[in-house]
Amino acid sequence: MTLALEQNRIPEEVLAAPAGKRIHLVAIGGVAMAGLATMLRELGANVTGSDDQLYPPVSDLLAELGIPVRRGFHRKNLEPRPDLVIVGNKVTRNNPEAQALGEFGVPFASLPQAIRALCLEGKHRCVVAGTHGKTTSTAMLAWVMEQEGWAPGFLIGGRPENFSISARIARGPFFVIEGDEYDSAFFDKRPKFLHYQPDSLLLTAVEFDHADIYRDLEHVKQAFRELIGLLPSDANFAVCADFPHALEVAQTHPRPVLFGTSGEAEWQIAGFREEGERSNCVVLRHGKVVARMRLQLPGVMNARNGLGVLALVERLGVPPERAAAALEEFRGVARRQQVVGEFHRVLLIDDFAHHPTAVRATLEALRQRYPERRLWAVFEPRSNTSRRRVFQKEYVQAFTPADRVIVGGVLKKPSDALNDQEMFSPEELVADLKHMGIPARFFPDTDTIAVALWRNTRPGDVVVLLSNGDFGGLRTKLVALLDRNQREAT
């Protein structure tokens, strides 16, 4: 049975009083969906969810909130009939719960549609968008506002260490939200960020990504142009000048504020250096020092993220030196250069990087922070772009900062329409890296990778796991093995 167009709405009784209403989230295991679930619980709704895959940190968060999650997608998950169903963007029209929506006549909405209607109305909407850096920048922006006493609402695509949650309802005038360029739902192919109608916009980067839904770079740029087109002419808009395509799309707005390492930027960082467990730089505006940043996070990329936040909040009334002081206490986001622990002097780091630009930036940051330590990069081609050959050659350069590289198997999906010629080749990447003199290996399963690292790492090594998923539980498996080494050594 097909879905009736009028069902794609949020009933007035839910909008007026979400408390006590049953709201079911299909594909609740995504970070943004779990964030919405958090806010719905805060509003008093009776929240349930379903998903075929669930793993930390989202599974831990939902368990802490006491939100019941049913494994797998089944028609019976819509019984008793919910007041509203939120449909995640990984759900296809053939999903059993999607099909049941039409049969049962249940009102439904996409994730961004629900966020806008239930969480953003009446708030100053600070949207952070871009191919890279948006999760960390969103968390930084929310933390600066928190330190100002503004009690912002926020929805962050990861779990910030400074907050116990990734999302909450605004108690003050501002809501900070990560603006994703991915599509909204199978019944709404617009990018999520077009739903949020920003009052302030921070644009971190524009590059080609999401090869499953975007045809090419021009298609990606068009999406960002549409987002910028939603801004009023006098809106607070900061854009990173270090990314040419971001700079290009920003020119459609009359007054973008530029930040970065580029000489044409109004806001710049200079004198970057790593000192122990801190990165340091000065902040220049029109060539004059206005603040100094000392960040717990490594690398120029994170200093640039912080710089964008300083540029944005200055127009909201926060002096640069006060924002920089707040960022000194910013501890990062789970799975963004996250230090898992040190085991018998082997440092384990977990990172979300999967695009070649982000992979290289992460490895360069860790190389700067740990210049004397041997650096292992362990990569899973898992995202819908990294599983394709589109960046096959770019990954070779991305891994050059590493001393050792291990590549895992390409994630295969039952619904894959990709043929072998379209799929990313770990074997080719390994061969290219070896040709450049970088020791590299391909292991198709995570158990073998864990054992290889356990046997071949030595005290002083740094190991970074690079995946936008759980990498087959590699982090847990490796911690168990390295911890065993540590216990045996003592």
Protein backbone atom coordinates (compact mmCIF):
# COMPACT_ATOMS: atom_id res chain seq x y z
CA MET A 1 0.00 0.00 0.00
CA THR A 2 1.39 3.42 -0.91
CA LEU A 3 1.80 6.22 1.60
CA ALA A 4 -0.76 8.98 1.43
CA LEU A 5 0.84 12.41 1.07
CA GLU A 6 -1.30 13.88 3.85
CA GLN A 7 0.20 11.39 6.31
CA ASN A 8 3.57 13.16 6.00
CA ARG A 9 2.74 15.65 8.70
CA ILE A 10 2.94 16.09 12.44
CA PRO A 11 -0.54 16.14 14.01
CA GLU A 12 -1.50 19.35 15.80
CA GLU A 13 -2.04 17.50 19.08
CA VAL A 14 1.56 16.24 18.97
CA LEU A 15 2.91 19.69 18.11
CA ALA A 16 0.91 21.32 20.89
CA ALA A 17 1.73 18.77 23.60
CA PRO A 18 4.26 16.00 22.84
CA ALA A 19 4.16 14.82 26.47
CA GLY A 20 2.48 11.45 26.78
CA LYS A 21 2.29 10.87 23.02
CA ARG A 22 3.73 7.65 21.62
CA ILE A 23 6.39 8.51 19.04
CA HIS A 24 8.17 5.66 17.27
CA LEU A 25 11.54 6.11 15.52
CA VAL A 26 12.31 3.75 12.64
CA ALA A 27 16.12 3.32 12.36
CA ILE A 28 16.74 4.83 15.78
CA GLY A 29 20.38 3.69 15.78
CA GLY A 30 21.72 6.70 13.88
CA VAL A 31 23.42 9.39 15.97
CA ALA A 32 20.96 12.11 14.90
CA MET A 33 17.94 9.83 15.42
CA ALA A 34 19.17 8.97 18.92
CA GLY A 35 19.61 12.70 19.55
CA LEU A 36 16.03 13.35 18.52
CA ALA A 37 14.92 10.49 20.80
CA THR A 38 16.76 12.23 23.66
CA MET A 39 14.92 15.49 23.04
CA LEU A 40 11.55 13.79 22.64
CA ARG A 41 12.04 12.13 26.02
CA GLU A 42 12.92 15.52 27.45
CA LEU A 43 9.60 16.80 26.08
CA GLY A 44 7.81 13.98 27.87
CA ALA A 45 6.98 11.79 24.88
CA ASN A 46 6.72 8.01 25.15
CA VAL A 47 9.54 7.07 22.76
CA THR A 48 10.12 3.67 21.16
CA GLY A 49 12.46 2.64 18.37
CA SER A 50 13.56 -0.08 16.02
CA ASP A 51 16.73 -0.86 14.07
CA ASP A 52 18.56 -3.77 12.52
CA GLN A 53 21.96 -2.54 13.76
CA LEU A 54 22.81 -0.95 17.08
CA TYR A 55 26.25 -0.38 18.58
CA PRO A 56 28.02 2.01 20.98
CA PRO A 57 27.92 4.84 21.73
CA VAL A 58 24.29 5.08 20.52
CA SER A 59 23.25 1.75 22.07
CA ASP A 60 24.68 2.87 25.42
CA LEU A 61 22.87 6.21 25.24
CA LEU A 62 19.49 4.65 24.44
CA ALA A 63 19.96 2.14 27.26
CA GLU A 64 20.77 4.96 29.69
CA LEU A 65 17.60 6.78 28.62
CA GLY A 66 15.54 3.63 29.06
CA ILE A 67 14.19 3.83 25.50
CA PRO A 68 12.95 0.40 24.36
CA VAL A 69 14.48 -0.61 21.03
CA ARG A 70 13.27 -3.60 19.03
CA ARG A 71 15.84 -5.36 16.88
CA GLY A 72 14.85 -5.62 13.25
CA PHE A 73 12.04 -3.95 11.31
CA HIS A 74 8.58 -5.50 11.69
CA ARG A 75 5.00 -4.39 11.16
CA LYS A 76 4.21 -5.31 14.75
CA ASN A 77 6.53 -2.51 15.93
CA LEU A 78 3.73 -0.10 14.98
CA GLU A 79 1.34 -1.79 17.39
CA PRO A 80 -0.28 -0.26 19.32
CA ARG A 81 -0.65 2.52 16.76
CA PRO A 82 1.79 5.41 17.45
CA ASP A 83 0.70 9.03 17.42
CA LEU A 84 3.66 9.78 15.13
CA VAL A 85 6.41 7.85 13.39
CA ILE A 86 9.80 9.42 12.59
CA VAL A 87 11.42 7.73 9.58
CA GLY A 88 15.24 7.68 9.39
CA ASN A 89 16.93 8.26 6.06
CA LYS A 90 18.37 4.75 5.86
CA VAL A 91 14.80 3.40 5.67
CA THR A 92 13.65 2.42 2.18
CA ARG A 93 10.06 2.38 0.95
CA ASN A 94 10.24 -1.44 1.04
CA ASN A 95 10.93 -1.48 4.76
CA PRO A 96 8.13 -3.44 6.53
CA GLU A 97 7.46 -0.56 8.92
CA ALA A 98 7.36 1.98 6.08
CA GLN A 99 4.83 -0.18 4.27
CA ALA A 100 2.75 -0.54 7.43
CA LEU A 101 2.52 3.26 7.72
CA GLY A 102 0.28 3.38 4.68
CA GLU A 103 -1.81 0.41 5.73
CA PHE A 104 -2.39 1.66 9.28
CA GLY A 105 -2.79 5.32 8.28
CA VAL A 106 -0.14 6.48 10.75
CA PRO A 107 1.15 10.10 10.59
CA PHE A 108 4.86 10.20 9.80
CA ALA A 109 7.68 12.71 9.35
CA SER A 110 11.34 12.80 8.44
CA LEU A 111 14.01 13.44 11.06
CA PRO A 112 14.72 17.08 10.07
CA GLN A 113 11.01 17.81 9.67
CA ALA A 114 10.40 16.65 13.25
CA ILE A 115 13.42 18.53 14.62
CA ARG A 116 12.30 21.79 13.04
CA ALA A 117 8.70 21.49 14.22
CA LEU A 118 9.34 20.20 17.74
CA CYS A 119 12.71 21.71 18.71
CA LEU A 120 13.60 24.79 16.63
CA GLU A 121 10.51 26.98 16.59
CA GLY A 122 11.09 30.37 18.19
CA LYS A 123 14.86 29.86 18.54
CA HIS A 124 17.85 31.50 16.90
CA ARG A 125 19.08 28.63 14.73
CA CYS A 126 22.83 28.26 14.49
CA VAL A 127 23.53 25.70 11.76
CA VAL A 128 26.99 24.19 11.27
CA ALA A 129 27.44 22.60 7.84
CA GLY A 130 30.29 21.28 5.70
CA THR A 131 31.95 18.15 4.38
CA HIS A 132 34.50 18.07 7.22
CA GLY A 133 34.67 19.36 10.79
CA LYS A 134 31.00 20.03 11.39
CA THR A 135 30.55 17.66 14.35
CA THR A 136 33.51 19.06 16.30
CA SER A 137 32.61 22.64 15.36
CA THR A 138 28.99 22.14 16.45
CA ALA A 139 30.13 20.77 19.80
CA MET A 140 32.60 23.64 20.23
CA LEU A 141 29.90 26.22 19.46
CA ALA A 142 27.46 24.66 21.92
CA TRP A 143 30.16 24.60 24.61
CA VAL A 144 31.08 28.28 24.15
CA MET A 145 27.40 29.22 24.44
CA GLU A 146 27.06 27.02 27.51
CA GLN A 147 29.99 28.79 29.14
CA GLU A 148 28.30 32.11 28.36
CA GLY A 149 25.31 30.93 30.39
CA TRP A 150 22.99 30.84 27.38
CA ALA A 151 21.77 27.27 27.98
CA PRO A 152 21.55 26.48 24.26
CA GLY A 153 19.73 23.56 22.78
CA PHE A 154 21.86 21.40 20.53
CA LEU A 155 21.92 18.39 18.25
CA ILE A 156 25.44 17.11 17.58
CA GLY A 157 26.43 14.19 15.34
CA GLY A 158 28.52 12.64 18.11
CA ARG A 159 28.72 12.58 21.89
CA PRO A 160 30.67 15.60 23.21
CA GLU A 161 32.89 14.90 26.21
CA ASN A 162 31.79 18.18 27.85
CA PHE A 163 28.15 17.14 27.85
CA SER A 164 26.69 13.80 28.90
CA ILE A 165 24.36 13.79 25.90
CA SER A 166 24.47 14.63 22.18
CA ALA A 167 21.20 16.60 22.13
CA ARG A 168 18.92 18.62 24.36
CA ILE A 169 16.05 21.10 24.19
CA ALA A 170 17.00 24.80 24.34
CA ARG A 171 16.33 26.62 27.60
CA GLY A 172 17.77 29.85 26.24
CA PRO A 173 17.34 31.67 22.90
CA PHE A 174 19.78 29.60 20.80
CA PHE A 175 19.71 26.16 19.21
CA VAL A 176 22.95 24.80 17.71
CA ILE A 177 22.50 22.06 15.12
CA GLU A 178 24.76 20.06 12.86
CA GLY A 179 23.48 20.58 9.33
CA ASP A 180 23.86 17.39 7.32
CA GLU A 181 23.88 17.52 3.52
CA TYR A 182 22.63 13.94 3.28
CA ASP A 183 19.01 13.44 2.17
CA SER A 184 16.09 13.53 4.61
CA ALA A 185 14.04 10.39 3.88
CA PHE A 186 12.95 8.14 1.04
CA PHE A 187 9.90 10.41 0.62
CA ASP A 188 11.96 13.63 0.89
CA LYS A 189 15.25 13.68 -1.02
CA ARG A 190 16.19 17.22 0.01
CA PRO A 191 19.30 17.66 2.18
CA LYS A 192 18.48 17.71 5.88
CA PHE A 193 19.97 21.15 6.40
CA LEU A 194 17.39 22.79 4.12
CA HIS A 195 14.76 22.15 6.79
CA TYR A 196 16.53 24.16 9.48
CA GLN A 197 16.22 27.72 8.09
CA PRO A 198 19.43 29.08 9.69
CA ASP A 199 19.72 32.46 11.37
CA SER A 200 23.48 31.96 11.72
CA LEU A 201 25.55 29.64 9.53
CA LEU A 202 29.06 28.24 9.96
CA LEU A 203 30.37 26.56 6.80
CA THR A 204 33.50 24.48 7.41
CA ALA A 205 34.26 22.87 4.02
CA VAL A 206 32.77 21.81 0.70
CA GLU A 207 34.12 18.78 -1.18
CA PHE A 208 32.63 15.86 -3.08
CA ASP A 209 31.14 13.21 -0.81
CA HIS A 210 28.07 10.96 -0.51
CA ALA A 211 28.59 9.43 -3.93
CA ASP A 212 25.44 7.34 -3.47
CA ILE A 213 23.17 10.40 -3.67
CA TYR A 214 25.24 13.15 -5.32
CA ARG A 215 26.21 12.84 -8.99
CA ASP A 216 29.33 14.98 -8.81
CA LEU A 217 30.94 17.95 -7.09
CA GLU A 218 28.66 20.45 -8.84
CA HIS A 219 25.64 18.61 -7.45
CA VAL A 220 27.11 18.92 -3.92
CA LYS A 221 27.83 22.62 -4.42
CA GLN A 222 24.28 23.23 -5.56
CA ALA A 223 22.97 21.82 -2.27
CA PHE A 224 25.16 24.22 -0.29
CA ARG A 225 24.12 27.13 -2.51
CA GLU A 226 20.49 26.35 -1.65
CA LEU A 227 21.36 26.39 2.05
CA ILE A 228 23.13 29.74 1.77
CA GLY A 229 20.17 31.04 -0.24
CA LEU A 230 17.98 30.60 2.85
CA LEU A 231 20.04 33.16 4.79
CA PRO A 232 18.87 36.75 5.16
CA SER A 233 21.25 39.24 3.53
CA ASP A 234 22.45 40.48 6.96
CA ALA A 235 22.77 37.01 8.48
CA ASN A 236 25.72 35.93 10.59
CA PHE A 237 27.65 33.73 8.12
CA ALA A 238 31.22 32.46 8.58
CA VAL A 239 32.93 30.31 5.95
CA CYS A 240 36.33 28.60 5.83
CA ALA A 241 38.43 30.17 3.07
CA ASP A 242 40.86 27.21 3.03
CA PHE A 243 38.43 25.16 0.95
CA PRO A 244 38.01 26.71 -2.53
CA HIS A 245 34.57 25.20 -3.16
CA ALA A 246 33.28 26.53 0.16
CA LEU A 247 34.59 29.96 -0.78
CA GLU A 248 32.95 29.67 -4.20
CA VAL A 249 29.46 28.84 -2.94
CA ALA A 250 29.76 31.51 -0.22
CA GLN A 251 30.01 34.22 -2.87
CA THR A 252 26.28 33.90 -3.44
CA HIS A 253 25.86 35.72 -0.10
CA PRO A 254 26.62 39.46 0.09
CA ARG A 255 28.63 39.45 3.34
CA PRO A 256 30.34 36.17 4.29
CA VAL A 257 32.99 36.39 7.00
CA LEU A 258 36.10 34.41 6.00
CA PHE A 259 38.29 32.41 8.39
CA GLY A 260 41.20 30.00 7.97
CA THR A 261 44.93 29.91 7.26
CA SER A 262 44.46 31.69 3.92
CA GLY A 263 45.86 35.19 3.50
CA GLU A 264 42.52 36.54 2.27
CA ALA A 265 40.67 35.51 5.43
CA GLU A 266 39.55 38.15 7.94
CA TRP A 267 40.13 35.68 10.80
CA GLN A 268 43.36 33.65 10.75
CA ILE A 269 45.44 31.36 12.92
CA ALA A 270 49.20 31.81 13.08
CA GLY A 271 52.15 30.30 14.91
CA PHE A 272 50.54 26.88 15.30
CA ARG A 273 52.54 24.40 17.35
CA GLU A 274 52.02 21.33 19.51
CA GLU A 275 53.24 21.49 23.10
CA GLY A 276 52.71 18.27 25.02
CA GLU A 277 48.99 17.53 25.15
CA ARG A 278 47.97 20.99 23.91
CA SER A 279 48.00 22.73 20.55
CA ASN A 280 48.72 26.45 20.56
CA CYS A 281 48.21 29.30 18.12
CA VAL A 282 47.36 32.99 18.00
CA VAL A 283 44.15 34.30 16.47
CA LEU A 284 44.45 37.24 14.10
CA ARG A 285 41.66 39.48 12.89
CA HIS A 286 42.61 41.84 10.09
CA GLY A 287 46.22 40.98 10.94
CA LYS A 288 45.99 41.93 14.65
CA VAL A 289 46.19 39.47 17.54
CA VAL A 290 42.78 39.23 19.24
CA ALA A 291 43.14 35.96 21.18
CA ARG A 292 45.30 32.92 21.84
CA MET A 293 43.95 29.41 21.55
CA ARG A 294 45.21 26.48 23.60
CA LEU A 295 43.26 23.38 22.61
CA GLN A 296 43.25 19.88 24.02
CA LEU A 297 42.58 18.58 20.51
CA PRO A 298 45.49 18.03 18.08
CA GLY A 299 46.20 19.52 14.69
CA VAL A 300 45.57 22.56 12.53
CA MET A 301 42.17 21.20 11.51
CA ASN A 302 40.86 21.50 15.08
CA ALA A 303 42.42 24.94 15.52
CA ARG A 304 40.60 25.95 12.33
CA ASN A 305 37.33 24.53 13.71
CA GLY A 306 37.82 26.64 16.82
CA LEU A 307 38.62 29.69 14.72
CA GLY A 308 35.32 29.38 12.85
CA VAL A 309 33.46 29.30 16.15
CA LEU A 310 35.25 32.43 17.34
CA ALA A 311 34.32 34.22 14.10
CA LEU A 312 30.66 33.21 14.41
CA VAL A 313 30.12 34.01 18.11
CA GLU A 314 31.85 37.39 17.89
CA ARG A 315 28.82 38.70 16.00
CA LEU A 316 26.59 37.19 18.71
CA GLY A 317 28.40 39.27 21.34
CA VAL A 318 31.16 36.96 22.62
CA PRO A 319 34.64 38.55 22.56
CA PRO A 320 37.30 36.32 20.92
CA GLU A 321 39.43 36.02 24.06
CA ARG A 322 36.43 34.81 26.10
CA ALA A 323 35.42 32.25 23.46
CA ALA A 324 39.02 31.04 23.24
CA ALA A 325 39.14 30.63 27.02
CA ALA A 326 36.01 28.47 26.87
CA LEU A 327 37.58 26.30 24.17
CA GLU A 328 40.58 25.61 26.41
CA GLU A 329 38.22 23.39 28.42
CA PHE A 330 36.70 21.69 25.38
CA ARG A 331 37.52 17.96 25.54
CA GLY A 332 36.35 16.83 22.13
CA VAL A 333 33.74 14.43 20.79
CA ALA A 334 33.59 10.66 21.02
CA ARG A 335 35.19 9.02 17.97
CA ARG A 336 36.84 12.25 16.81
CA GLN A 337 40.53 11.69 17.58
CA GLN A 338 39.26 10.10 20.80
CA VAL A 339 41.95 8.62 23.04
CA VAL A 340 40.60 5.22 24.06
CA GLY A 341 43.54 4.49 26.37
CA GLU A 342 47.20 3.60 26.62
CA PHE A 343 48.03 -0.08 27.01
CA HIS A 344 51.61 -1.03 27.85
CA ARG A 345 52.57 2.29 26.18
CA VAL A 346 50.56 1.57 23.02
CA LEU A 347 48.21 4.53 22.56
CA LEU A 348 44.85 3.65 20.96
CA ILE A 349 42.79 6.37 19.23
CA ASP A 350 39.36 6.03 17.63
CA ASP A 351 38.35 8.36 14.80
CA PHE A 352 35.39 8.76 12.44
CA ALA A 353 37.49 9.88 9.45
CA HIS A 354 36.63 8.12 6.17
CA HIS A 355 36.90 10.80 3.46
CA PRO A 356 40.53 11.08 2.22
CA THR A 357 40.78 14.74 3.21
CA ALA A 358 39.69 13.93 6.76
CA VAL A 359 41.93 10.85 6.93
CA ARG A 360 44.98 12.88 5.97
CA ALA A 361 44.10 15.74 8.33
CA THR A 362 43.68 13.32 11.25
CA LEU A 363 46.96 11.54 10.54
CA GLU A 364 48.82 14.83 10.12
CA ALA A 365 47.40 16.05 13.44
CA LEU A 366 48.53 12.90 15.24
CA ARG A 367 51.93 13.06 13.55
CA GLN A 368 52.33 16.62 14.85
CA ARG A 369 51.30 15.68 18.39
CA TYR A 370 53.34 12.46 18.55
CA PRO A 371 56.30 13.15 16.23
CA GLU A 372 58.63 10.54 17.76
CA ARG A 373 56.13 7.68 17.93
CA ARG A 374 55.39 5.08 15.26
CA LEU A 375 51.93 5.75 13.80
CA TRP A 376 49.60 2.95 12.66
CA ALA A 377 46.56 3.83 10.52
CA VAL A 378 43.84 1.16 10.45
CA PHE A 379 41.12 1.92 7.89
CA GLU A 380 37.70 0.45 7.13
CA PRO A 381 36.14 1.37 3.73
CA ARG A 382 32.61 1.55 5.11
CA SER A 383 30.84 4.76 4.07
CA ASN A 384 28.82 4.88 0.86
CA THR A 385 31.62 6.92 -0.73
CA SER A 386 34.67 5.08 0.62
CA ARG A 387 33.18 1.76 -0.53
CA ARG A 388 33.39 3.09 -4.09
CA ARG A 389 36.47 3.66 -6.25
CA VAL A 390 35.75 7.37 -6.52
CA PHE A 391 38.69 8.25 -4.19
CA GLN A 392 40.87 5.19 -4.86
CA LYS A 393 43.99 7.22 -5.75
CA GLU A 394 43.32 10.03 -3.26
CA TYR A 395 43.54 7.58 -0.36
CA VAL A 396 47.15 6.81 -1.29
CA GLN A 397 48.22 10.35 -0.47
CA ALA A 398 45.90 10.47 2.54
CA PHE A 399 47.84 7.71 4.31
CA THR A 400 51.35 9.06 3.68
CA PRO A 401 51.71 10.54 7.21
CA ALA A 402 51.43 7.01 8.68
CA ASP A 403 54.33 4.64 9.34
CA ARG A 404 52.20 1.49 9.02
CA VAL A 405 48.81 1.00 7.34
CA ILE A 406 46.27 -1.81 7.70
CA VAL A 407 43.19 -1.81 5.45
CA GLY A 408 40.11 -3.84 6.34
CA GLY A 409 37.53 -5.38 4.08
CA VAL A 410 34.99 -3.27 2.19
CA LEU A 411 31.61 -3.28 3.88
CA LYS A 412 29.15 -5.24 1.74
CA LYS A 413 25.43 -4.58 1.91
CA PRO A 414 22.68 -7.03 0.91
CA SER A 415 21.09 -4.26 -1.16
CA ASP A 416 24.33 -3.38 -2.99
CA ALA A 417 23.87 -2.47 -6.64
CA LEU A 418 27.62 -1.90 -7.07
CA ASN A 419 29.55 -4.18 -9.37
CA ASP A 420 33.15 -5.25 -8.76
CA GLN A 421 34.53 -2.53 -11.04
CA GLU A 422 32.80 0.17 -8.98
CA MET A 423 33.96 -1.14 -5.58
CA PHE A 424 36.96 0.24 -3.73
CA SER A 425 40.01 -2.05 -3.85
CA PRO A 426 41.93 -2.46 -0.56
CA GLU A 427 44.46 -4.62 -2.40
CA GLU A 428 45.21 -1.81 -4.87
CA LEU A 429 45.60 0.74 -2.07
CA VAL A 430 48.01 -1.55 -0.23
CA ALA A 431 50.05 -2.13 -3.40
CA ASP A 432 50.24 1.62 -4.08
CA LEU A 433 51.34 2.36 -0.51
CA LYS A 434 54.01 -0.33 -0.65
CA HIS A 435 55.25 1.18 -3.92
CA MET A 436 55.72 4.44 -2.01
CA GLY A 437 57.70 2.64 0.69
CA ILE A 438 54.95 2.56 3.32
CA PRO A 439 54.46 -0.89 4.91
CA ALA A 440 50.81 -1.84 4.37
CA ARG A 441 48.65 -4.95 4.69
CA PHE A 442 45.10 -5.94 3.78
CA PHE A 443 43.16 -8.18 6.15
CA PRO A 444 39.50 -8.80 5.27
CA ASP A 445 38.29 -9.57 8.82
CA THR A 446 38.61 -7.72 12.10
CA ASP A 447 39.76 -10.69 14.17
CA THR A 448 42.88 -10.97 11.99
CA ILE A 449 43.47 -7.20 12.21
CA ALA A 450 43.21 -7.26 16.01
CA VAL A 451 45.68 -10.14 16.31
CA ALA A 452 48.09 -8.54 13.81
CA LEU A 453 48.13 -5.31 15.82
CA TRP A 454 48.48 -7.18 19.11
CA ARG A 455 51.49 -9.10 17.80
CA ASN A 456 53.23 -6.30 15.92
CA THR A 457 52.77 -3.12 17.95
CA ARG A 458 55.45 -2.17 20.43
CA PRO A 459 55.66 0.26 23.37
CA GLY A 460 55.51 3.84 22.12
CA ASP A 461 53.28 3.10 19.11
CA VAL A 462 50.13 5.08 18.30
CA VAL A 463 47.26 3.16 16.67
CA VAL A 464 44.33 5.06 15.13
CA LEU A 465 41.18 3.29 13.97
CA LEU A 466 39.50 5.09 11.05
CA SER A 467 35.89 4.15 10.31
CA ASN A 468 32.45 5.75 10.26
CA GLY A 469 31.01 2.60 11.86
CA ASP A 470 31.92 0.04 14.51
CA PHE A 471 34.57 -1.66 12.30
CA GLY A 472 33.20 -5.08 13.20
CA GLY A 473 33.83 -4.47 16.89
CA LEU A 474 37.57 -3.96 16.30
CA ARG A 475 37.97 -1.40 19.07
CA THR A 476 36.58 -3.78 21.71
CA LYS A 477 38.61 -6.73 20.42
CA LEU A 478 41.83 -4.75 20.29
CA VAL A 479 41.37 -3.25 23.76
CA ALA A 480 40.95 -6.77 25.18
CA LEU A 481 44.18 -7.96 23.55
CA LEU A 482 46.24 -4.88 24.41
CA ASP A 483 44.92 -4.92 27.95
CA ARG A 484 46.08 -8.51 28.20
CA ASN A 485 49.58 -7.40 27.16
CA GLN A 486 49.51 -4.76 29.89
CA ARG A 487 48.36 -7.17 32.59
CA GLU A 488 50.98 -9.73 31.61
CA ALA A 489 53.70 -7.06 31.69
CA THR A 490 52.81 -6.14 35.27
